[in-house]
Full PDB file with SEQRES, HELIX, SHEET, SSBOND, CRYST1, ORIGX, SCALE, CONECT and MASTER records, all heavy atoms in Angstrom:
SEQRES   1 A   40  MET ARG LYS GLY TRP ARG ALA CYS GLN SER ASN TRP THR          
SEQRES   2 A   40  GLY THR SER GLU LYS SER ASN ALA GLY PHE ALA ASN GLY          
SEQRES   3 A   40  GLY ILE ARG THR SER PRO GLN ARG SER LEU ASN SER VAL          
SEQRES   4 A   40  LYS                                                          
HELIX    1 AA1 ARG A    2  THR A   13  1                                  12    
HELIX    2 AA2 GLU A   17  ALA A   24  1                                   8    
HELIX    3 AA3 PRO A   32  VAL A   39  1                                   8    
CRYST1    1.000    1.000    1.000  90.00  90.00  90.00 P 1           1          
ORIGX1      1.000000  0.000000  0.000000        0.00000                         
ORIGX2      0.000000  1.000000  0.000000        0.00000                         
ORIGX3      0.000000  0.000000  1.000000        0.00000                         
SCALE1      1.000000  0.000000  0.000000        0.00000                         
SCALE2      0.000000  1.000000  0.000000        0.00000                         
SCALE3      0.000000  0.000000  1.000000        0.00000                         
ATOM      1  N   MET A   1      11.036   4.717 -19.475  1.00  0.00           N  
ATOM      2  CA  MET A   1      11.524   5.555 -18.384  1.00  0.00           C  
ATOM      3  C   MET A   1      10.409   5.835 -17.380  1.00  0.00           C  
ATOM      4  O   MET A   1      10.584   5.751 -16.186  1.00  0.00           O  
ATOM      5  CB  MET A   1      12.065   6.867 -18.964  1.00  0.00           C  
ATOM      6  CG  MET A   1      12.624   7.802 -17.890  1.00  0.00           C  
ATOM      7  SD  MET A   1      13.251   9.343 -18.595  1.00  0.00           S  
ATOM      8  CE  MET A   1      14.579   8.703 -19.600  1.00  0.00           C  
ATOM      9  N   ARG A   2       9.230   6.231 -17.910  1.00  0.00           N  
ATOM     10  CA  ARG A   2       8.100   6.508 -17.028  1.00  0.00           C  
ATOM     11  C   ARG A   2       7.682   5.267 -16.272  1.00  0.00           C  
ATOM     12  O   ARG A   2       7.320   5.312 -15.102  1.00  0.00           O  
ATOM     13  CB  ARG A   2       6.935   7.057 -17.870  1.00  0.00           C  
ATOM     14  CG  ARG A   2       5.646   7.252 -17.098  1.00  0.00           C  
ATOM     15  CD  ARG A   2       5.818   8.213 -15.949  1.00  0.00           C  
ATOM     16  NE  ARG A   2       6.273   9.511 -16.395  1.00  0.00           N  
ATOM     17  CZ  ARG A   2       6.521  10.510 -15.598  1.00  0.00           C  
ATOM     18  NH1 ARG A   2       6.391  10.342 -14.285  1.00  0.00           N  
ATOM     19  NH2 ARG A   2       6.948  11.664 -16.065  1.00  0.00           N  
ATOM     20  N   LYS A   3       7.720   4.114 -16.949  1.00  0.00           N  
ATOM     21  CA  LYS A   3       7.338   2.869 -16.290  1.00  0.00           C  
ATOM     22  C   LYS A   3       8.305   2.536 -15.166  1.00  0.00           C  
ATOM     23  O   LYS A   3       7.911   2.081 -14.093  1.00  0.00           O  
ATOM     24  CB  LYS A   3       7.313   1.733 -17.322  1.00  0.00           C  
ATOM     25  CG  LYS A   3       6.791   0.420 -16.752  1.00  0.00           C  
ATOM     26  CD  LYS A   3       6.696  -0.626 -17.843  1.00  0.00           C  
ATOM     27  CE  LYS A   3       6.150  -1.948 -17.282  1.00  0.00           C  
ATOM     28  NZ  LYS A   3       6.079  -2.982 -18.333  1.00  0.00           N  
ATOM     29  N   GLY A   4       9.596   2.756 -15.414  1.00  0.00           N  
ATOM     30  CA  GLY A   4      10.591   2.496 -14.376  1.00  0.00           C  
ATOM     31  C   GLY A   4      10.403   3.415 -13.193  1.00  0.00           C  
ATOM     32  O   GLY A   4      10.520   3.021 -12.038  1.00  0.00           O  
ATOM     33  N   TRP A   5      10.074   4.694 -13.484  1.00  0.00           N  
ATOM     34  CA  TRP A   5       9.820   5.664 -12.404  1.00  0.00           C  
ATOM     35  C   TRP A   5       8.665   5.212 -11.527  1.00  0.00           C  
ATOM     36  O   TRP A   5       8.716   5.242 -10.321  1.00  0.00           O  
ATOM     37  CB  TRP A   5       9.533   7.016 -13.036  1.00  0.00           C  
ATOM     38  CG  TRP A   5       8.931   8.024 -12.106  1.00  0.00           C  
ATOM     39  CD1 TRP A   5       7.621   8.185 -11.794  1.00  0.00           C  
ATOM     40  CD2 TRP A   5       9.633   9.021 -11.363  1.00  0.00           C  
ATOM     41  NE1 TRP A   5       7.464   9.207 -10.913  1.00  0.00           N  
ATOM     42  CE2 TRP A   5       8.678   9.743 -10.633  1.00  0.00           C  
ATOM     43  CE3 TRP A   5      10.978   9.378 -11.251  1.00  0.00           C  
ATOM     44  CZ2 TRP A   5       9.024  10.796  -9.803  1.00  0.00           C  
ATOM     45  CZ3 TRP A   5      11.315  10.430 -10.424  1.00  0.00           C  
ATOM     46  CH2 TRP A   5      10.353  11.122  -9.719  1.00  0.00           C  
ATOM     47  N   ARG A   6       7.578   4.769 -12.174  1.00  0.00           N  
ATOM     48  CA  ARG A   6       6.401   4.363 -11.403  1.00  0.00           C  
ATOM     49  C   ARG A   6       6.677   3.127 -10.581  1.00  0.00           C  
ATOM     50  O   ARG A   6       6.234   2.997  -9.445  1.00  0.00           O  
ATOM     51  CB  ARG A   6       5.235   4.108 -12.358  1.00  0.00           C  
ATOM     52  CG  ARG A   6       4.713   5.385 -13.001  1.00  0.00           C  
ATOM     53  CD  ARG A   6       3.525   5.099 -13.901  1.00  0.00           C  
ATOM     54  NE  ARG A   6       3.000   6.325 -14.477  1.00  0.00           N  
ATOM     55  CZ  ARG A   6       1.992   6.352 -15.337  1.00  0.00           C  
ATOM     56  NH1 ARG A   6       1.431   5.215 -15.719  1.00  0.00           N  
ATOM     57  NH2 ARG A   6       1.560   7.510 -15.805  1.00  0.00           N  
ATOM     58  N   ALA A   7       7.402   2.180 -11.184  1.00  0.00           N  
ATOM     59  CA  ALA A   7       7.704   0.947 -10.449  1.00  0.00           C  
ATOM     60  C   ALA A   7       8.541   1.233  -9.229  1.00  0.00           C  
ATOM     61  O   ALA A   7       8.311   0.675  -8.161  1.00  0.00           O  
ATOM     62  CB  ALA A   7       8.436  -0.038 -11.374  1.00  0.00           C  
ATOM     63  N   CYS A   8       9.514   2.131  -9.370  1.00  0.00           N  
ATOM     64  CA  CYS A   8      10.379   2.455  -8.235  1.00  0.00           C  
ATOM     65  C   CYS A   8       9.627   3.262  -7.199  1.00  0.00           C  
ATOM     66  O   CYS A   8       9.760   3.046  -6.007  1.00  0.00           O  
ATOM     67  CB  CYS A   8      11.600   3.250  -8.708  1.00  0.00           C  
ATOM     68  SG  CYS A   8      12.682   2.295  -9.786  1.00  0.00           S  
ATOM     69  N   GLN A   9       8.805   4.213  -7.671  1.00  0.00           N  
ATOM     70  CA  GLN A   9       8.125   5.073  -6.716  1.00  0.00           C  
ATOM     71  C   GLN A   9       7.053   4.325  -5.951  1.00  0.00           C  
ATOM     72  O   GLN A   9       6.742   4.649  -4.814  1.00  0.00           O  
ATOM     73  CB  GLN A   9       7.507   6.258  -7.451  1.00  0.00           C  
ATOM     74  CG  GLN A   9       7.278   7.456  -6.542  1.00  0.00           C  
ATOM     75  CD  GLN A   9       7.035   8.706  -7.342  1.00  0.00           C  
ATOM     76  OE1 GLN A   9       6.441   8.636  -8.414  1.00  0.00           O  
ATOM     77  NE2 GLN A   9       7.461   9.839  -6.824  1.00  0.00           N  
ATOM     78  N   SER A  10       6.500   3.277  -6.555  1.00  0.00           N  
ATOM     79  CA  SER A  10       5.515   2.482  -5.827  1.00  0.00           C  
ATOM     80  C   SER A  10       6.144   1.772  -4.654  1.00  0.00           C  
ATOM     81  O   SER A  10       5.473   1.441  -3.685  1.00  0.00           O  
ATOM     82  CB  SER A  10       4.867   1.457  -6.765  1.00  0.00           C  
ATOM     83  OG  SER A  10       5.837   0.537  -7.234  1.00  0.00           O  
ATOM     84  N   ASN A  11       7.474   1.520  -4.730  1.00  0.00           N  
ATOM     85  CA  ASN A  11       8.166   0.914  -3.597  1.00  0.00           C  
ATOM     86  C   ASN A  11       8.184   1.828  -2.395  1.00  0.00           C  
ATOM     87  O   ASN A  11       8.288   1.380  -1.261  1.00  0.00           O  
ATOM     88  CB  ASN A  11       9.615   0.558  -3.983  1.00  0.00           C  
ATOM     89  CG  ASN A  11       9.692  -0.695  -4.818  1.00  0.00           C  
ATOM     90  OD1 ASN A  11       8.954  -1.646  -4.572  1.00  0.00           O  
ATOM     91  ND2 ASN A  11      10.574  -0.704  -5.805  1.00  0.00           N  
ATOM     92  N   TRP A  12       8.103   3.153  -2.605  1.00  0.00           N  
ATOM     93  CA  TRP A  12       8.143   4.080  -1.488  1.00  0.00           C  
ATOM     94  C   TRP A  12       6.914   3.918  -0.605  1.00  0.00           C  
ATOM     95  O   TRP A  12       6.967   4.139   0.591  1.00  0.00           O  
ATOM     96  CB  TRP A  12       8.189   5.519  -1.990  1.00  0.00           C  
ATOM     97  CG  TRP A  12       9.397   5.837  -2.780  1.00  0.00           C  
ATOM     98  CD1 TRP A  12      10.525   5.077  -2.880  1.00  0.00           C  
ATOM     99  CD2 TRP A  12       9.616   6.982  -3.602  1.00  0.00           C  
ATOM    100  NE1 TRP A  12      11.427   5.689  -3.690  1.00  0.00           N  
ATOM    101  CE2 TRP A  12      10.895   6.854  -4.153  1.00  0.00           C  
ATOM    102  CE3 TRP A  12       8.855   8.095  -3.909  1.00  0.00           C  
ATOM    103  CZ2 TRP A  12      11.426   7.802  -4.999  1.00  0.00           C  
ATOM    104  CZ3 TRP A  12       9.387   9.035  -4.754  1.00  0.00           C  
ATOM    105  CH2 TRP A  12      10.662   8.891  -5.293  1.00  0.00           C  
ATOM    106  N   THR A  13       5.775   3.614  -1.214  1.00  0.00           N  
ATOM    107  CA  THR A  13       4.544   3.504  -0.443  1.00  0.00           C  
ATOM    108  C   THR A  13       4.090   2.083  -0.242  1.00  0.00           C  
ATOM    109  O   THR A  13       3.127   1.828   0.471  1.00  0.00           O  
ATOM    110  CB  THR A  13       3.409   4.282  -1.145  1.00  0.00           C  
ATOM    111  OG1 THR A  13       3.269   3.763  -2.467  1.00  0.00           O  
ATOM    112  CG2 THR A  13       3.736   5.775  -1.220  1.00  0.00           C  
ATOM    113  N   GLY A  14       4.762   1.140  -0.845  1.00  0.00           N  
ATOM    114  CA  GLY A  14       4.415  -0.259  -0.655  1.00  0.00           C  
ATOM    115  C   GLY A  14       3.118  -0.649  -1.333  1.00  0.00           C  
ATOM    116  O   GLY A  14       2.386  -1.505  -0.850  1.00  0.00           O  
ATOM    117  N   THR A  15       2.775  -0.036  -2.466  1.00  0.00           N  
ATOM    118  CA  THR A  15       1.514  -0.340  -3.129  1.00  0.00           C  
ATOM    119  C   THR A  15       1.736  -0.767  -4.570  1.00  0.00           C  
ATOM    120  O   THR A  15       0.908  -0.517  -5.432  1.00  0.00           O  
ATOM    121  CB  THR A  15       0.590   0.888  -3.100  1.00  0.00           C  
ATOM    122  OG1 THR A  15       1.280   2.001  -3.678  1.00  0.00           O  
ATOM    123  CG2 THR A  15       0.185   1.228  -1.681  1.00  0.00           C  
ATOM    124  N   SER A  16       2.865  -1.368  -4.860  1.00  0.00           N  
ATOM    125  CA  SER A  16       3.144  -1.766  -6.232  1.00  0.00           C  
ATOM    126  C   SER A  16       2.259  -2.929  -6.645  1.00  0.00           C  
ATOM    127  O   SER A  16       1.710  -3.653  -5.825  1.00  0.00           O  
ATOM    128  CB  SER A  16       4.620  -2.166  -6.369  1.00  0.00           C  
ATOM    129  OG  SER A  16       4.875  -3.327  -5.614  1.00  0.00           O  
ATOM    130  N   GLU A  17       2.132  -3.121  -7.966  1.00  0.00           N  
ATOM    131  CA  GLU A  17       1.320  -4.219  -8.472  1.00  0.00           C  
ATOM    132  C   GLU A  17       1.921  -5.551  -8.069  1.00  0.00           C  
ATOM    133  O   GLU A  17       1.207  -6.514  -7.816  1.00  0.00           O  
ATOM    134  CB  GLU A  17       1.226  -4.094  -9.989  1.00  0.00           C  
ATOM    135  CG  GLU A  17       0.458  -2.851 -10.440  1.00  0.00           C  
ATOM    136  CD  GLU A  17       0.408  -2.757 -11.941  1.00  0.00           C  
ATOM    137  OE1 GLU A  17       0.936  -3.680 -12.592  1.00  0.00           O  
ATOM    138  OE2 GLU A  17      -0.152  -1.786 -12.454  1.00  0.00           O  
ATOM    139  N   LYS A  18       3.254  -5.635  -8.013  1.00  0.00           N  
ATOM    140  CA  LYS A  18       3.887  -6.880  -7.605  1.00  0.00           C  
ATOM    141  C   LYS A  18       3.547  -7.212  -6.165  1.00  0.00           C  
ATOM    142  O   LYS A  18       3.400  -8.379  -5.811  1.00  0.00           O  
ATOM    143  CB  LYS A  18       5.410  -6.763  -7.770  1.00  0.00           C  
ATOM    144  CG  LYS A  18       5.862  -6.790  -9.217  1.00  0.00           C  
ATOM    145  CD  LYS A  18       7.372  -6.885  -9.302  1.00  0.00           C  
ATOM    146  CE  LYS A  18       7.821  -7.010 -10.751  1.00  0.00           C  
ATOM    147  NZ  LYS A  18       9.271  -7.152 -10.853  1.00  0.00           N  
ATOM    148  N   SER A  19       3.423  -6.191  -5.325  1.00  0.00           N  
ATOM    149  CA  SER A  19       3.068  -6.430  -3.932  1.00  0.00           C  
ATOM    150  C   SER A  19       1.671  -7.033  -3.839  1.00  0.00           C  
ATOM    151  O   SER A  19       1.432  -7.964  -3.080  1.00  0.00           O  
ATOM    152  CB  SER A  19       3.123  -5.122  -3.139  1.00  0.00           C  
ATOM    153  OG  SER A  19       4.422  -4.601  -3.139  1.00  0.00           O  
ATOM    154  N   ASN A  20       0.731  -6.456  -4.598  1.00  0.00           N  
ATOM    155  CA  ASN A  20      -0.634  -6.964  -4.559  1.00  0.00           C  
ATOM    156  C   ASN A  20      -0.704  -8.371  -5.128  1.00  0.00           C  
ATOM    157  O   ASN A  20      -1.452  -9.224  -4.633  1.00  0.00           O  
ATOM    158  CB  ASN A  20      -1.551  -6.020  -5.345  1.00  0.00           C  
ATOM    159  CG  ASN A  20      -1.666  -4.674  -4.667  1.00  0.00           C  
ATOM    160  OD1 ASN A  20      -1.529  -4.583  -3.448  1.00  0.00           O  
ATOM    161  ND2 ASN A  20      -1.916  -3.621  -5.443  1.00  0.00           N  
ATOM    162  N   ALA A  21       0.061  -8.614  -6.190  1.00  0.00           N  
ATOM    163  CA  ALA A  21       0.066  -9.951  -6.761  1.00  0.00           C  
ATOM    164  C   ALA A  21       0.665 -10.944  -5.783  1.00  0.00           C  
ATOM    165  O   ALA A  21       0.194 -12.076  -5.642  1.00  0.00           O  
ATOM    166  CB  ALA A  21       0.861  -9.954  -8.071  1.00  0.00           C  
ATOM    167  N   GLY A  22       1.723 -10.522  -5.106  1.00  0.00           N  
ATOM    168  CA  GLY A  22       2.348 -11.395  -4.108  1.00  0.00           C  
ATOM    169  C   GLY A  22       1.390 -11.714  -2.990  1.00  0.00           C  
ATOM    170  O   GLY A  22       1.365 -12.823  -2.462  1.00  0.00           O  
ATOM    171  N   PHE A  23       0.568 -10.749  -2.607  1.00  0.00           N  
ATOM    172  CA  PHE A  23      -0.416 -10.988  -1.556  1.00  0.00           C  
ATOM    173  C   PHE A  23      -1.444 -12.022  -1.991  1.00  0.00           C  
ATOM    174  O   PHE A  23      -1.840 -12.901  -1.234  1.00  0.00           O  
ATOM    175  CB  PHE A  23      -1.108  -9.665  -1.204  1.00  0.00           C  
ATOM    176  CG  PHE A  23      -2.221  -9.830  -0.203  1.00  0.00           C  
ATOM    177  CD1 PHE A  23      -1.938 -10.028   1.131  1.00  0.00           C  
ATOM    178  CD2 PHE A  23      -3.543  -9.791  -0.609  1.00  0.00           C  
ATOM    179  CE1 PHE A  23      -2.956 -10.179   2.052  1.00  0.00           C  
ATOM    180  CE2 PHE A  23      -4.568  -9.948   0.298  1.00  0.00           C  
ATOM    181  CZ  PHE A  23      -4.280 -10.135   1.638  1.00  0.00           C  
ATOM    182  N   ALA A  24      -1.845 -11.916  -3.239  1.00  0.00           N  
ATOM    183  CA  ALA A  24      -2.855 -12.853  -3.733  1.00  0.00           C  
ATOM    184  C   ALA A  24      -2.317 -14.273  -3.802  1.00  0.00           C  
ATOM    185  O   ALA A  24      -3.053 -15.246  -3.633  1.00  0.00           O  
ATOM    186  CB  ALA A  24      -3.342 -12.406  -5.118  1.00  0.00           C  
ATOM    187  N   ASN A  25      -1.014 -14.407  -4.054  1.00  0.00           N  
ATOM    188  CA  ASN A  25      -0.409 -15.726  -4.176  1.00  0.00           C  
ATOM    189  C   ASN A  25       0.204 -16.231  -2.872  1.00  0.00           C  
ATOM    190  O   ASN A  25       0.892 -17.239  -2.872  1.00  0.00           O  
ATOM    191  CB  ASN A  25       0.679 -15.685  -5.254  1.00  0.00           C  
ATOM    192  CG  ASN A  25       0.110 -15.407  -6.621  1.00  0.00           C  
ATOM    193  OD1 ASN A  25      -0.981 -15.879  -6.931  1.00  0.00           O  
ATOM    194  ND2 ASN A  25       0.828 -14.646  -7.435  1.00  0.00           N  
ATOM    195  N   GLY A  26      -0.003 -15.498  -1.816  1.00  0.00           N  
ATOM    196  CA  GLY A  26       0.513 -15.930  -0.529  1.00  0.00           C  
ATOM    197  C   GLY A  26       1.841 -15.327  -0.169  1.00  0.00           C  
ATOM    198  O   GLY A  26       2.318 -15.475   0.950  1.00  0.00           O  
ATOM    199  N   GLY A  27       2.498 -14.617  -1.098  1.00  0.00           N  
ATOM    200  CA  GLY A  27       3.775 -13.964  -0.804  1.00  0.00           C  
ATOM    201  C   GLY A  27       3.524 -12.572  -0.269  1.00  0.00           C  
ATOM    202  O   GLY A  27       3.652 -11.591  -0.977  1.00  0.00           O  
ATOM    203  N   ILE A  28       3.127 -12.466   0.962  1.00  0.00           N  
ATOM    204  CA  ILE A  28       2.664 -11.195   1.518  1.00  0.00           C  
ATOM    205  C   ILE A  28       3.812 -10.218   1.683  1.00  0.00           C  
ATOM    206  O   ILE A  28       4.848 -10.543   2.199  1.00  0.00           O  
ATOM    207  CB  ILE A  28       1.991 -11.420   2.892  1.00  0.00           C  
ATOM    208  CG1 ILE A  28       0.766 -12.294   2.712  1.00  0.00           C  
ATOM    209  CG2 ILE A  28       1.618 -10.089   3.523  1.00  0.00           C  
ATOM    210  CD1 ILE A  28       0.066 -12.612   4.008  1.00  0.00           C  
ATOM    211  N   ARG A  29       3.570  -8.993   1.237  1.00  0.00           N  
ATOM    212  CA  ARG A  29       4.440  -7.899   1.612  1.00  0.00           C  
ATOM    213  C   ARG A  29       3.621  -6.783   2.249  1.00  0.00           C  
ATOM    214  O   ARG A  29       3.917  -6.311   3.312  1.00  0.00           O  
ATOM    215  CB  ARG A  29       5.178  -7.354   0.386  1.00  0.00           C  
ATOM    216  CG  ARG A  29       6.099  -6.218   0.783  1.00  0.00           C  
ATOM    217  CD  ARG A  29       6.675  -5.520  -0.413  1.00  0.00           C  
ATOM    218  NE  ARG A  29       6.963  -4.147  -0.055  1.00  0.00           N  
ATOM    219  CZ  ARG A  29       7.188  -3.195  -0.913  1.00  0.00           C  
ATOM    220  NH1 ARG A  29       7.132  -3.455  -2.197  1.00  0.00           N  
ATOM    221  NH2 ARG A  29       7.457  -1.989  -0.527  1.00  0.00           N  
ATOM    222  N   THR A  30       2.552  -6.335   1.576  1.00  0.00           N  
ATOM    223  CA  THR A  30       1.692  -5.300   2.110  1.00  0.00           C  
ATOM    224  C   THR A  30       0.240  -5.701   1.868  1.00  0.00           C  
ATOM    225  O   THR A  30      -0.185  -5.800   0.739  1.00  0.00           O  
ATOM    226  CB  THR A  30       1.957  -3.949   1.427  1.00  0.00           C  
ATOM    227  OG1 THR A  30       3.336  -3.603   1.601  1.00  0.00           O  
ATOM    228  CG2 THR A  30       1.101  -2.873   2.051  1.00  0.00           C  
ATOM    229  N   SER A  31      -0.505  -5.915   2.936  1.00  0.00           N  
ATOM    230  CA  SER A  31      -1.889  -6.332   2.807  1.00  0.00           C  
ATOM    231  C   SER A  31      -2.756  -5.150   2.401  1.00  0.00           C  
ATOM    232  O   SER A  31      -2.402  -4.001   2.654  1.00  0.00           O  
ATOM    233  CB  SER A  31      -2.387  -6.894   4.138  1.00  0.00           C  
ATOM    234  OG  SER A  31      -2.437  -5.879   5.116  1.00  0.00           O  
ATOM    235  N   PRO A  32      -3.934  -5.425   1.776  1.00  0.00           N  
ATOM    236  CA  PRO A  32      -4.829  -4.328   1.414  1.00  0.00           C  
ATOM    237  C   PRO A  32      -5.261  -3.510   2.627  1.00  0.00           C  
ATOM    238  O   PRO A  32      -5.381  -2.290   2.533  1.00  0.00           O  
ATOM    239  CB  PRO A  32      -6.015  -5.064   0.768  1.00  0.00           C  
ATOM    240  CG  PRO A  32      -5.444  -6.343   0.269  1.00  0.00           C  
ATOM    241  CD  PRO A  32      -4.398  -6.722   1.264  1.00  0.00           C  
ATOM    242  N   GLN A  33      -5.485  -4.162   3.754  1.00  0.00           N  
ATOM    243  CA  GLN A  33      -5.904  -3.445   4.953  1.00  0.00           C  
ATOM    244  C   GLN A  33      -4.811  -2.506   5.440  1.00  0.00           C  
ATOM    245  O   GLN A  33      -5.078  -1.370   5.846  1.00  0.00           O  
ATOM    246  CB  GLN A  33      -6.267  -4.437   6.063  1.00  0.00           C  
ATOM    247  CG  GLN A  33      -6.802  -3.757   7.343  1.00  0.00           C  
ATOM    248  CD  GLN A  33      -8.058  -2.964   7.076  1.00  0.00           C  
ATOM    249  OE1 GLN A  33      -8.953  -3.403   6.353  1.00  0.00           O  
ATOM    250  NE2 GLN A  33      -8.137  -1.767   7.628  1.00  0.00           N  
ATOM    251  N   ARG A  34      -3.555  -2.976   5.367  1.00  0.00           N  
ATOM    252  CA  ARG A  34      -2.443  -2.125   5.797  1.00  0.00           C  
ATOM    253  C   ARG A  34      -2.307  -0.938   4.874  1.00  0.00           C  
ATOM    254  O   ARG A  34      -2.029   0.188   5.311  1.00  0.00           O  
ATOM    255  CB  ARG A  34      -1.143  -2.929   5.825  1.00  0.00           C  
ATOM    256  CG  ARG A  34       0.056  -2.134   6.322  1.00  0.00           C  
ATOM    257  CD  ARG A  34       1.297  -3.001   6.357  1.00  0.00           C  
ATOM    258  NE  ARG A  34       1.128  -4.124   7.250  1.00  0.00           N  
ATOM    259  CZ  ARG A  34       1.939  -5.167   7.303  1.00  0.00           C  
ATOM    260  NH1 ARG A  34       2.981  -5.220   6.474  1.00  0.00           N  
ATOM    261  NH2 ARG A  34       1.729  -6.153   8.142  1.00  0.00           N  
ATOM    262  N   SER A  35      -2.487  -1.147   3.561  1.00  0.00           N  
ATOM    263  CA  SER A  35      -2.417  -0.044   2.617  1.00  0.00           C  
ATOM    264  C   SER A  35      -3.528   0.959   2.874  1.00  0.00           C  
ATOM    265  O   SER A  35      -3.318   2.171   2.814  1.00  0.00           O  
ATOM    266  CB  SER A  35      -2.517  -0.577   1.183  1.00  0.00           C  
ATOM    267  OG  SER A  35      -1.425  -1.418   0.885  1.00  0.00           O  
ATOM    268  N   LEU A  36      -4.729   0.457   3.174  1.00  0.00           N  
ATOM    269  CA  LEU A  36      -5.845   1.343   3.473  1.00  0.00           C  
ATOM    270  C   LEU A  36      -5.567   2.161   4.730  1.00  0.00           C  
ATOM    271  O   LEU A  36      -5.846   3.361   4.772  1.00  0.00           O  
ATOM    272  CB  LEU A  36      -7.124   0.521   3.646  1.00  0.00           C  
ATOM    273  CG  LEU A  36      -8.406   1.318   3.968  1.00  0.00           C  
ATOM    274  CD1 LEU A  36      -8.703   2.301   2.844  1.00  0.00           C  
ATOM    275  CD2 LEU A  36      -9.579   0.368   4.180  1.00  0.00           C  
ATOM    276  N   ASN A  37      -4.997   1.524   5.737  1.00  0.00           N  
ATOM    277  CA  ASN A  37      -4.658   2.245   6.970  1.00  0.00           C  
ATOM    278  C   ASN A  37      -3.601   3.314   6.706  1.00  0.00           C  
ATOM    279  O   ASN A  37      -3.643   4.393   7.300  1.00  0.00           O  
ATOM    280  CB  ASN A  37      -4.158   1.267   8.028  1.00  0.00           C  
ATOM    281  CG  ASN A  37      -5.253   0.357   8.543  1.00  0.00           C  
ATOM    282  OD1 ASN A  37      -6.440   0.684   8.446  1.00  0.00           O  
ATOM    283  ND2 ASN A  37      -4.876  -0.782   9.090  1.00  0.00           N  
ATOM    284  N   SER A  38      -2.672   3.003   5.817  1.00  0.00           N  
ATOM    285  CA  SER A  38      -1.634   3.978   5.479  1.00  0.00           C  
ATOM    286  C   SER A  38      -2.235   5.198   4.787  1.00  0.00           C  
ATOM    287  O   SER A  38      -1.844   6.333   5.056  1.00  0.00           O  
ATOM    288  CB  SER A  38      -0.578   3.342   4.574  1.00  0.00           C  
ATOM    289  OG  SER A  38       0.103   2.305   5.240  1.00  0.00           O  
ATOM    290  N   VAL A  39      -3.198   4.968   3.898  1.00  0.00           N  
ATOM    291  CA  VAL A  39      -3.852   6.072   3.206  1.00  0.00           C  
ATOM    292  C   VAL A  39      -4.623   6.932   4.201  1.00  0.00           C  
ATOM    293  O   VAL A  39      -4.578   8.167   4.153  1.00  0.00           O  
ATOM    294  CB  VAL A  39      -4.794   5.539   2.108  1.00  0.00           C  
ATOM    295  CG1 VAL A  39      -5.590   6.688   1.494  1.00  0.00           C  
ATOM    296  CG2 VAL A  39      -3.994   4.831   1.024  1.00  0.00           C  
ATOM    297  N   LYS A  40      -5.321   6.293   5.127  1.00  0.00           N  
ATOM    298  CA  LYS A  40      -6.079   7.037   6.130  1.00  0.00           C  
ATOM    299  C   LYS A  40      -5.156   7.893   6.992  1.00  0.00           C  
ATOM    300  O   LYS A  40      -5.451   9.057   7.267  1.00  0.00           O  
ATOM    301  CB  LYS A  40      -6.865   6.062   7.013  1.00  0.00           C  
ATOM    302  CG  LYS A  40      -8.023   5.377   6.315  1.00  0.00           C  
ATOM    303  CD  LYS A  40      -8.723   4.416   7.272  1.00  0.00           C  
ATOM    304  CE  LYS A  40      -9.901   3.732   6.598  1.00  0.00           C  
ATOM    305  NZ  LYS A  40     -10.567   2.754   7.516  1.00  0.00           N  
TER     306      LYS A  40                                                      
MASTER        0    0    0    3    0    0    0    6  305    1    0    4          
END                                                                             
């Protein structure tokens, strides 16, 4: 349950592990720079 909550909530900010993995493999959704700008 907790894992499902975290996976879904990471979609709200676009910083899920799948997003980062997709970026590394060329399937871009949210770049590290964009995530950093969002945090700032």
